[in-house]
Amino acid sequence: MIGPEVKIFSGNHSLIPSERMKIVDGKMQLISKAEPVIIGDDVWICGNVTICPGVTVGNRAVIAAGSVVTKDVPEGCLVGSNPAKVIRQIEE
């Protein structure tokens, strides 16, 4: 389930200026890359969550409203905050 205003980003670029720009036909161009975002089964992403490039969200995870997910989310846990961190495991 995905709540309202959820943002999932896959585009990224280097923090090093010389690695993110190149000259093509005399013009500067931004070099970007795509990093996949993988979302497991039975995941609940609450409203206004941002998921950054390269993140994997494990099965049965819950991401609290307003969280910014910058790292992988383990299976079966509740994460929240900015940056998101594990709050607790979810028991069946």
PDB file of N, CA and C in Angstrom:
ATOM      1  N   MET A   1       0.849  -1.161   0.000  1.00  0.00           N
ATOM      2  CA  MET A   1       0.000   0.000   0.000  1.00  0.00           C
ATOM      3  C   MET A   1       0.904   1.236   0.000  1.00  0.00           C
ATOM      4  N   ILE A   2       0.577   2.192  -0.853  1.00  0.00           N
ATOM      5  CA  ILE A   2       1.363   3.427  -0.940  1.00  0.00           C
ATOM      6  C   ILE A   2       0.445   4.617  -0.679  1.00  0.00           C
ATOM      7  N   GLY A   3       0.789   5.416   0.326  1.00  0.00           N
ATOM      8  CA  GLY A   3      -0.012   6.567   0.702  1.00  0.00           C
ATOM      9  C   GLY A   3       0.189   7.751  -0.249  1.00  0.00           C
ATOM     10  N   PRO A   4      -0.536   8.841   0.022  1.00  0.00           N
ATOM     11  CA  PRO A   4      -0.440  10.023  -0.842  1.00  0.00           C
ATOM     12  C   PRO A   4       0.897  10.751  -0.697  1.00  0.00           C
ATOM     13  N   GLU A   5       1.284  11.423  -1.764  1.00  0.00           N
ATOM     14  CA  GLU A   5       2.482  12.275  -1.790  1.00  0.00           C
ATOM     15  C   GLU A   5       3.788  11.511  -1.558  1.00  0.00           C
ATOM     16  N   VAL A   6       3.800  10.210  -1.848  1.00  0.00           N
ATOM     17  CA  VAL A   6       5.033   9.424  -1.733  1.00  0.00           C
ATOM     18  C   VAL A   6       5.912   9.728  -2.939  1.00  0.00           C
ATOM     19  N   LYS A   7       7.207   9.901  -2.690  1.00  0.00           N
ATOM     20  CA  LYS A   7       8.159  10.189  -3.755  1.00  0.00           C
ATOM     21  C   LYS A   7       9.224   9.093  -3.767  1.00  0.00           C
ATOM     22  N   ILE A   8       9.416   8.470  -4.932  1.00  0.00           N
ATOM     23  CA  ILE A   8      10.418   7.424  -5.088  1.00  0.00           C
ATOM     24  C   ILE A   8      11.378   7.887  -6.183  1.00  0.00           C
ATOM     25  N   PHE A   9      12.635   8.099  -5.797  1.00  0.00           N
ATOM     26  CA  PHE A   9      13.632   8.616  -6.729  1.00  0.00           C
ATOM     27  C   PHE A   9      14.624   7.530  -7.110  1.00  0.00           C
ATOM     28  N   SER A  10      14.988   7.474  -8.384  1.00  0.00           N
ATOM     29  CA  SER A  10      16.014   6.524  -8.821  1.00  0.00           C
ATOM     30  C   SER A  10      17.200   7.234  -9.464  1.00  0.00           C
ATOM     31  N   GLY A  11      17.037   8.480  -9.872  1.00  0.00           N
ATOM     32  CA  GLY A  11      18.133   9.232 -10.496  1.00  0.00           C
ATOM     33  C   GLY A  11      19.093   9.761  -9.457  1.00  0.00           C
ATOM     34  N   ASN A  12      20.378   9.734  -9.788  1.00  0.00           N
ATOM     35  CA  ASN A  12      21.399  10.198  -8.857  1.00  0.00           C
ATOM     36  C   ASN A  12      22.597  10.724  -9.644  1.00  0.00           C
ATOM     37  N   HIS A  13      23.497  11.419  -8.967  1.00  0.00           N
ATOM     38  CA  HIS A  13      24.725  11.900  -9.589  1.00  0.00           C
ATOM     39  C   HIS A  13      25.807  11.978  -8.523  1.00  0.00           C
ATOM     40  N   SER A  14      27.042  12.076  -8.967  1.00  0.00           N
ATOM     41  CA  SER A  14      28.184  12.157  -8.064  1.00  0.00           C
ATOM     42  C   SER A  14      28.200  13.495  -7.334  1.00  0.00           C
ATOM     43  N   LEU A  15      28.766  13.501  -6.139  1.00  0.00           N
ATOM     44  CA  LEU A  15      28.973  14.754  -5.410  1.00  0.00           C
ATOM     45  C   LEU A  15      30.210  15.492  -5.918  1.00  0.00           C
ATOM     46  N   ILE A  16      31.085  14.792  -6.639  1.00  0.00           N
ATOM     47  CA  ILE A  16      32.328  15.365  -7.150  1.00  0.00           C
ATOM     48  C   ILE A  16      32.045  16.052  -8.488  1.00  0.00           C
ATOM     49  N   PRO A  17      32.238  17.369  -8.560  1.00  0.00           N
ATOM     50  CA  PRO A  17      31.879  18.101  -9.783  1.00  0.00           C
ATOM     51  C   PRO A  17      32.466  17.526 -11.064  1.00  0.00           C
ATOM     52  N   SER A  18      33.730  17.126 -11.041  1.00  0.00           N
ATOM     53  CA  SER A  18      34.362  16.610 -12.270  1.00  0.00           C
ATOM     54  C   SER A  18      33.761  15.284 -12.717  1.00  0.00           C
ATOM     55  N   GLU A  19      33.078  14.575 -11.817  1.00  0.00           N
ATOM     56  CA  GLU A  19      32.457  13.298 -12.156  1.00  0.00           C
ATOM     57  C   GLU A  19      30.996  13.444 -12.580  1.00  0.00           C
ATOM     58  N   ARG A  20      30.415  14.622 -12.385  1.00  0.00           N
ATOM     59  CA  ARG A  20      29.009  14.778 -12.749  1.00  0.00           C
ATOM     60  C   ARG A  20      28.778  15.667 -13.969  1.00  0.00           C
ATOM     61  N   MET A  21      29.853  16.252 -14.500  1.00  0.00           N
ATOM     62  CA  MET A  21      29.729  17.098 -15.683  1.00  0.00           C
ATOM     63  C   MET A  21      30.722  16.633 -16.744  1.00  0.00           C
ATOM     64  N   LYS A  22      30.316  16.761 -18.001  1.00  0.00           N
ATOM     65  CA  LYS A  22      31.235  16.508 -19.106  1.00  0.00           C
ATOM     66  C   LYS A  22      30.906  17.485 -20.226  1.00  0.00           C
ATOM     67  N   ILE A  23      31.867  17.683 -21.109  1.00  0.00           N
ATOM     68  CA  ILE A  23      31.663  18.580 -22.243  1.00  0.00           C
ATOM     69  C   ILE A  23      31.358  17.746 -23.482  1.00  0.00           C
ATOM     70  N   VAL A  24      30.211  18.046 -24.099  1.00  0.00           N
ATOM     71  CA  VAL A  24      29.791  17.377 -25.328  1.00  0.00           C
ATOM     72  C   VAL A  24      29.452  18.461 -26.335  1.00  0.00           C
ATOM     73  N   ASP A  25      30.119  18.432 -27.484  1.00  0.00           N
ATOM     74  CA  ASP A  25      29.905  19.436 -28.525  1.00  0.00           C
ATOM     75  C   ASP A  25      30.051  20.859 -27.981  1.00  0.00           C
ATOM     76  N   GLY A  26      31.028  21.045 -27.085  1.00  0.00           N
ATOM     77  CA  GLY A  26      31.303  22.366 -26.544  1.00  0.00           C
ATOM     78  C   GLY A  26      30.349  22.823 -25.447  1.00  0.00           C
ATOM     79  N   LYS A  27      29.439  21.957 -25.035  1.00  0.00           N
ATOM     80  CA  LYS A  27      28.478  22.321 -23.983  1.00  0.00           C
ATOM     81  C   LYS A  27      28.622  21.381 -22.793  1.00  0.00           C
ATOM     82  N   MET A  28      28.439  21.941 -21.605  1.00  0.00           N
ATOM     83  CA  MET A  28      28.476  21.132 -20.380  1.00  0.00           C
ATOM     84  C   MET A  28      27.185  20.323 -20.256  1.00  0.00           C
ATOM     85  N   GLN A  29      27.325  19.033 -19.910  1.00  0.00           N
ATOM     86  CA  GLN A  29      26.162  18.180 -19.698  1.00  0.00           C
ATOM     87  C   GLN A  29      26.296  17.469 -18.361  1.00  0.00           C
ATOM     88  N   LEU A  30      25.173  17.328 -17.681  1.00  0.00           N
ATOM     89  CA  LEU A  30      25.128  16.620 -16.412  1.00  0.00           C
ATOM     90  C   LEU A  30      25.156  15.122 -16.667  1.00  0.00           C
ATOM     91  N   ILE A  31      26.017  14.421 -15.940  1.00  0.00           N
ATOM     92  CA  ILE A  31      26.069  12.960 -16.015  1.00  0.00           C
ATOM     93  C   ILE A  31      25.288  12.431 -14.823  1.00  0.00           C
ATOM     94  N   SER A  32      24.232  11.728 -15.096  1.00  0.00           N
ATOM     95  CA  SER A  32      23.454  11.126 -14.017  1.00  0.00           C
ATOM     96  C   SER A  32      23.381   9.622 -14.229  1.00  0.00           C
ATOM     97  N   LYS A  33      22.997   8.924 -13.183  1.00  0.00           N
ATOM     98  CA  LYS A  33      22.859   7.480 -13.279  1.00  0.00           C
ATOM     99  C   LYS A  33      21.591   7.070 -12.554  1.00  0.00           C
ATOM    100  N   ALA A  34      21.058   5.940 -12.951  1.00  0.00           N
ATOM    101  CA  ALA A  34      19.862   5.410 -12.299  1.00  0.00           C
ATOM    102  C   ALA A  34      20.270   4.321 -11.318  1.00  0.00           C
ATOM    103  N   GLU A  35      19.707   4.382 -10.128  1.00  0.00           N
ATOM    104  CA  GLU A  35      19.917   3.346  -9.124  1.00  0.00           C
ATOM    105  C   GLU A  35      18.542   2.782  -8.781  1.00  0.00           C
ATOM    106  N   PRO A  36      18.335   1.480  -8.952  1.00  0.00           N
ATOM    107  CA  PRO A  36      17.002   0.920  -8.743  1.00  0.00           C
ATOM    108  C   PRO A  36      16.523   1.031  -7.299  1.00  0.00           C
ATOM    109  N   VAL A  37      15.224   1.184  -7.150  1.00  0.00           N
ATOM    110  CA  VAL A  37      14.566   1.104  -5.847  1.00  0.00           C
ATOM    111  C   VAL A  37      13.733  -0.171  -5.884  1.00  0.00           C
ATOM    112  N   ILE A  38      13.939  -1.043  -4.906  1.00  0.00           N
ATOM    113  CA  ILE A  38      13.235  -2.325  -4.860  1.00  0.00           C
ATOM    114  C   ILE A  38      12.326  -2.326  -3.646  1.00  0.00           C
ATOM    115  N   ILE A  39      11.049  -2.611  -3.877  1.00  0.00           N
ATOM    116  CA  ILE A  39      10.070  -2.638  -2.796  1.00  0.00           C
ATOM    117  C   ILE A  39       9.507  -4.046  -2.718  1.00  0.00           C
ATOM    118  N   GLY A  40       9.619  -4.663  -1.548  1.00  0.00           N
ATOM    119  CA  GLY A  40       9.190  -6.040  -1.345  1.00  0.00           C
ATOM    120  C   GLY A  40       7.676  -6.189  -1.300  1.00  0.00           C
ATOM    121  N   ASP A  41       7.235  -7.384  -0.944  1.00  0.00           N
ATOM    122  CA  ASP A  41       5.815  -7.716  -0.855  1.00  0.00           C
ATOM    123  C   ASP A  41       5.223  -7.265   0.480  1.00  0.00           C
ATOM    124  N   ASP A  42       3.943  -6.941   0.463  1.00  0.00           N
ATOM    125  CA  ASP A  42       3.176  -6.575   1.673  1.00  0.00           C
ATOM    126  C   ASP A  42       3.800  -5.404   2.419  1.00  0.00           C
ATOM    127  N   VAL A  43       4.299  -4.413   1.693  1.00  0.00           N
ATOM    128  CA  VAL A  43       4.913  -3.224   2.288  1.00  0.00           C
ATOM    129  C   VAL A  43       3.860  -2.126   2.389  1.00  0.00           C
ATOM    130  N   TRP A  44       3.904  -1.378   3.487  1.00  0.00           N
ATOM    131  CA  TRP A  44       3.013  -0.245   3.682  1.00  0.00           C
ATOM    132  C   TRP A  44       3.887   1.006   3.761  1.00  0.00           C
ATOM    133  N   ILE A  45       3.726   1.901   2.783  1.00  0.00           N
ATOM    134  CA  ILE A  45       4.460   3.160   2.751  1.00  0.00           C
ATOM    135  C   ILE A  45       3.445   4.265   3.033  1.00  0.00           C
ATOM    136  N   CYS A  46       3.540   4.869   4.208  1.00  0.00           N
ATOM    137  CA  CYS A  46       2.579   5.897   4.609  1.00  0.00           C
ATOM    138  C   CYS A  46       2.797   7.184   3.805  1.00  0.00           C
ATOM    139  N   GLY A  47       1.923   8.151   3.999  1.00  0.00           N
ATOM    140  CA  GLY A  47       1.942   9.387   3.230  1.00  0.00           C
ATOM    141  C   GLY A  47       3.180  10.236   3.427  1.00  0.00           C
ATOM    142  N   ASN A  48       3.536  10.963   2.366  1.00  0.00           N
ATOM    143  CA  ASN A  48       4.622  11.941   2.361  1.00  0.00           C
ATOM    144  C   ASN A  48       5.992  11.334   2.669  1.00  0.00           C
ATOM    145  N   VAL A  49       6.201  10.097   2.246  1.00  0.00           N
ATOM    146  CA  VAL A  49       7.489   9.429   2.408  1.00  0.00           C
ATOM    147  C   VAL A  49       8.342   9.712   1.179  1.00  0.00           C
ATOM    148  N   THR A  50       9.643   9.876   1.384  1.00  0.00           N
ATOM    149  CA  THR A  50      10.602   9.998   0.289  1.00  0.00           C
ATOM    150  C   THR A  50      11.550   8.810   0.360  1.00  0.00           C
ATOM    151  N   ILE A  51      11.685   8.093  -0.768  1.00  0.00           N
ATOM    152  CA  ILE A  51      12.616   6.969  -0.853  1.00  0.00           C
ATOM    153  C   ILE A  51      13.705   7.348  -1.841  1.00  0.00           C
ATOM    154  N   CYS A  52      14.951   7.310  -1.380  1.00  0.00           N
ATOM    155  CA  CYS A  52      16.096   7.739  -2.178  1.00  0.00           C
ATOM    156  C   CYS A  52      16.602   6.625  -3.096  1.00  0.00           C
ATOM    157  N   PRO A  53      17.423   6.985  -4.091  1.00  0.00           N
ATOM    158  CA  PRO A  53      17.935   6.005  -5.049  1.00  0.00           C
ATOM    159  C   PRO A  53      18.714   4.874  -4.384  1.00  0.00           C
ATOM    160  N   GLY A  54      18.575   3.669  -4.938  1.00  0.00           N
ATOM    161  CA  GLY A  54      19.354   2.522  -4.502  1.00  0.00           C
ATOM    162  C   GLY A  54      18.843   1.807  -3.270  1.00  0.00           C
ATOM    163  N   VAL A  55      17.696   2.208  -2.738  1.00  0.00           N
ATOM    164  CA  VAL A  55      17.152   1.622  -1.512  1.00  0.00           C
ATOM    165  C   VAL A  55      16.334   0.360  -1.823  1.00  0.00           C
ATOM    166  N   THR A  56      16.480  -0.643  -0.952  1.00  0.00           N
ATOM    167  CA  THR A  56      15.644  -1.843  -1.005  1.00  0.00           C
ATOM    168  C   THR A  56      14.798  -1.863   0.262  1.00  0.00           C
ATOM    169  N   VAL A  57      13.489  -2.029   0.088  1.00  0.00           N
ATOM    170  CA  VAL A  57      12.560  -2.124   1.214  1.00  0.00           C
ATOM    171  C   VAL A  57      12.147  -3.589   1.326  1.00  0.00           C
ATOM    172  N   GLY A  58      12.425  -4.196   2.471  1.00  0.00           N
ATOM    173  CA  GLY A  58      12.153  -5.615   2.671  1.00  0.00           C
ATOM    174  C   GLY A  58      10.668  -5.924   2.786  1.00  0.00           C
ATOM    175  N   ASN A  59      10.331  -7.200   2.613  1.00  0.00           N
ATOM    176  CA  ASN A  59       8.946  -7.671   2.715  1.00  0.00           C
ATOM    177  C   ASN A  59       8.340  -7.316   4.074  1.00  0.00           C
ATOM    178  N   ARG A  60       7.062  -7.001   4.072  1.00  0.00           N
ATOM    179  CA  ARG A  60       6.258  -6.751   5.279  1.00  0.00           C
ATOM    180  C   ARG A  60       6.746  -5.565   6.110  1.00  0.00           C
ATOM    181  N   ALA A  61       7.512  -4.659   5.517  1.00  0.00           N
ATOM    182  CA  ALA A  61       7.991  -3.475   6.235  1.00  0.00           C
ATOM    183  C   ALA A  61       6.920  -2.388   6.216  1.00  0.00           C
ATOM    184  N   VAL A  62       6.986  -1.492   7.196  1.00  0.00           N
ATOM    185  CA  VAL A  62       6.115  -0.320   7.261  1.00  0.00           C
ATOM    186  C   VAL A  62       7.013   0.902   7.399  1.00  0.00           C
ATOM    187  N   ILE A  63       6.762   1.908   6.553  1.00  0.00           N
ATOM    188  CA  ILE A  63       7.522   3.157   6.619  1.00  0.00           C
ATOM    189  C   ILE A  63       6.581   4.246   7.111  1.00  0.00           C
ATOM    190  N   ALA A  64       6.913   4.849   8.246  1.00  0.00           N
ATOM    191  CA  ALA A  64       6.056   5.843   8.889  1.00  0.00           C
ATOM    192  C   ALA A  64       5.935   7.111   8.043  1.00  0.00           C
ATOM    193  N   ALA A  65       4.831   7.805   8.217  1.00  0.00           N
ATOM    194  CA  ALA A  65       4.532   9.028   7.468  1.00  0.00           C
ATOM    195  C   ALA A  65       5.642  10.066   7.614  1.00  0.00           C
ATOM    196  N   GLY A  66       5.980  10.716   6.494  1.00  0.00           N
ATOM    197  CA  GLY A  66       6.953  11.794   6.501  1.00  0.00           C
ATOM    198  C   GLY A  66       8.410  11.370   6.557  1.00  0.00           C
ATOM    199  N   SER A  67       8.672  10.079   6.508  1.00  0.00           N
ATOM    200  CA  SER A  67      10.043   9.583   6.616  1.00  0.00           C
ATOM    201  C   SER A  67      10.827   9.812   5.328  1.00  0.00           C
ATOM    202  N   VAL A  68      12.142   9.930   5.481  1.00  0.00           N
ATOM    203  CA  VAL A  68      13.052   9.997   4.341  1.00  0.00           C
ATOM    204  C   VAL A  68      13.950   8.766   4.438  1.00  0.00           C
ATOM    205  N   VAL A  69      13.782   7.849   3.490  1.00  0.00           N
ATOM    206  CA  VAL A  69      14.480   6.565   3.530  1.00  0.00           C
ATOM    207  C   VAL A  69      15.740   6.675   2.675  1.00  0.00           C
ATOM    208  N   THR A  70      16.901   6.635   3.336  1.00  0.00           N
ATOM    209  CA  THR A  70      18.183   6.785   2.647  1.00  0.00           C
ATOM    210  C   THR A  70      18.971   5.484   2.598  1.00  0.00           C
ATOM    211  N   LYS A  71      18.553   4.484   3.383  1.00  0.00           N
ATOM    212  CA  LYS A  71      19.254   3.198   3.451  1.00  0.00           C
ATOM    213  C   LYS A  71      18.233   2.066   3.381  1.00  0.00           C
ATOM    214  N   ASP A  72      18.719   0.863   3.111  1.00  0.00           N
ATOM    215  CA  ASP A  72      17.844  -0.300   3.006  1.00  0.00           C
ATOM    216  C   ASP A  72      17.019  -0.497   4.272  1.00  0.00           C
ATOM    217  N   VAL A  73      15.795  -0.984   4.081  1.00  0.00           N
ATOM    218  CA  VAL A  73      14.862  -1.256   5.178  1.00  0.00           C
ATOM    219  C   VAL A  73      14.776  -2.770   5.349  1.00  0.00           C
ATOM    220  N   PRO A  74      15.081  -3.296   6.544  1.00  0.00           N
ATOM    221  CA  PRO A  74      15.002  -4.746   6.755  1.00  0.00           C
ATOM    222  C   PRO A  74      13.565  -5.263   6.677  1.00  0.00           C
ATOM    223  N   GLU A  75      13.434  -6.559   6.446  1.00  0.00           N
ATOM    224  CA  GLU A  75      12.109  -7.192   6.425  1.00  0.00           C
ATOM    225  C   GLU A  75      11.425  -7.055   7.771  1.00  0.00           C
ATOM    226  N   GLY A  76      10.101  -6.936   7.735  1.00  0.00           N
ATOM    227  CA  GLY A  76       9.272  -7.028   8.923  1.00  0.00           C
ATOM    228  C   GLY A  76       9.559  -6.033  10.021  1.00  0.00           C
ATOM    229  N   CYS A  77       9.868  -4.800   9.661  1.00  0.00           N
ATOM    230  CA  CYS A  77      10.112  -3.810  10.702  1.00  0.00           C
ATOM    231  C   CYS A  77       9.420  -2.499  10.362  1.00  0.00           C
ATOM    232  N   LEU A  78       9.259  -1.679  11.379  1.00  0.00           N
ATOM    233  CA  LEU A  78       8.724  -0.330  11.244  1.00  0.00           C
ATOM    234  C   LEU A  78       9.906   0.621  11.247  1.00  0.00           C
ATOM    235  N   VAL A  79       9.984   1.488  10.230  1.00  0.00           N
ATOM    236  CA  VAL A  79      11.027   2.507  10.193  1.00  0.00           C
ATOM    237  C   VAL A  79      10.373   3.877  10.121  1.00  0.00           C
ATOM    238  N   GLY A  80      11.079   4.882  10.608  1.00  0.00           N
ATOM    239  CA  GLY A  80      10.541   6.232  10.552  1.00  0.00           C
ATOM    240  C   GLY A  80      11.603   7.255  10.878  1.00  0.00           C
ATOM    241  N   SER A  81      11.332   8.514  10.597  1.00  0.00           N
ATOM    242  CA  SER A  81      12.148   9.684  10.898  1.00  0.00           C
ATOM    243  C   SER A  81      12.896  10.156   9.653  1.00  0.00           C
ATOM    244  N   ASN A  82      13.796  11.112   9.862  1.00  0.00           N
ATOM    245  CA  ASN A  82      14.589  11.684   8.782  1.00  0.00           C
ATOM    246  C   ASN A  82      16.023  11.854   9.276  1.00  0.00           C
ATOM    247  N   PRO A  83      16.931  10.986   8.843  1.00  0.00           N
ATOM    248  CA  PRO A  83      16.722   9.830   7.974  1.00  0.00           C
ATOM    249  C   PRO A  83      16.023   8.699   8.731  1.00  0.00           C
ATOM    250  N   ALA A  84      15.342   7.859   7.976  1.00  0.00           N
ATOM    251  CA  ALA A  84      14.577   6.759   8.580  1.00  0.00           C
ATOM    252  C   ALA A  84      15.508   5.782   9.292  1.00  0.00           C
ATOM    253  N   LYS A  85      15.045   5.301  10.429  1.00  0.00           N
ATOM    254  CA  LYS A  85      15.780   4.286  11.197  1.00  0.00           C
ATOM    255  C   LYS A  85      14.773   3.274  11.713  1.00  0.00           C
ATOM    256  N   VAL A  86      15.265   2.100  12.076  1.00  0.00           N
ATOM    257  CA  VAL A  86      14.387   1.047  12.579  1.00  0.00           C
ATOM    258  C   VAL A  86      13.844   1.474  13.943  1.00  0.00           C
ATOM    259  N   ILE A  87      12.519   1.421  14.074  1.00  0.00           N
ATOM    260  CA  ILE A  87      11.856   1.751  15.334  1.00  0.00           C
ATOM    261  C   ILE A  87      11.609   0.478  16.126  1.00  0.00           C
ATOM    262  N   ARG A  88      11.096  -0.546  15.419  1.00  0.00           N
ATOM    263  CA  ARG A  88      10.895  -1.850  16.081  1.00  0.00           C
ATOM    264  C   ARG A  88      10.565  -2.896  15.032  1.00  0.00           C
ATOM    265  N   GLN A  89      10.702  -4.147  15.451  1.00  0.00           N
ATOM    266  CA  GLN A  89      10.283  -5.276  14.607  1.00  0.00           C
ATOM    267  C   GLN A  89       8.761  -5.400  14.703  1.00  0.00           C
ATOM    268  N   ILE A  90       8.151  -5.883  13.642  1.00  0.00           N
ATOM    269  CA  ILE A  90       6.702  -6.086  13.631  1.00  0.00           C
ATOM    270  C   ILE A  90       6.454  -7.575  13.865  1.00  0.00           C
ATOM    271  N   GLU A  91       5.699  -7.877  14.911  1.00  0.00           N
ATOM    272  CA  GLU A  91       5.365  -9.253  15.249  1.00  0.00           C
ATOM    273  C   GLU A  91       4.104  -9.668  14.521  1.00  0.00           C
ATOM    274  N   GLU A  92       4.034 -10.931  14.124  1.00  0.00           N
ATOM    275  CA  GLU A  92       2.828 -11.458  13.447  1.00  0.00           C
ATOM    276  C   GLU A  92       1.679 -11.538  14.405  1.00  0.00           C
TER     277      GLU A  92
END
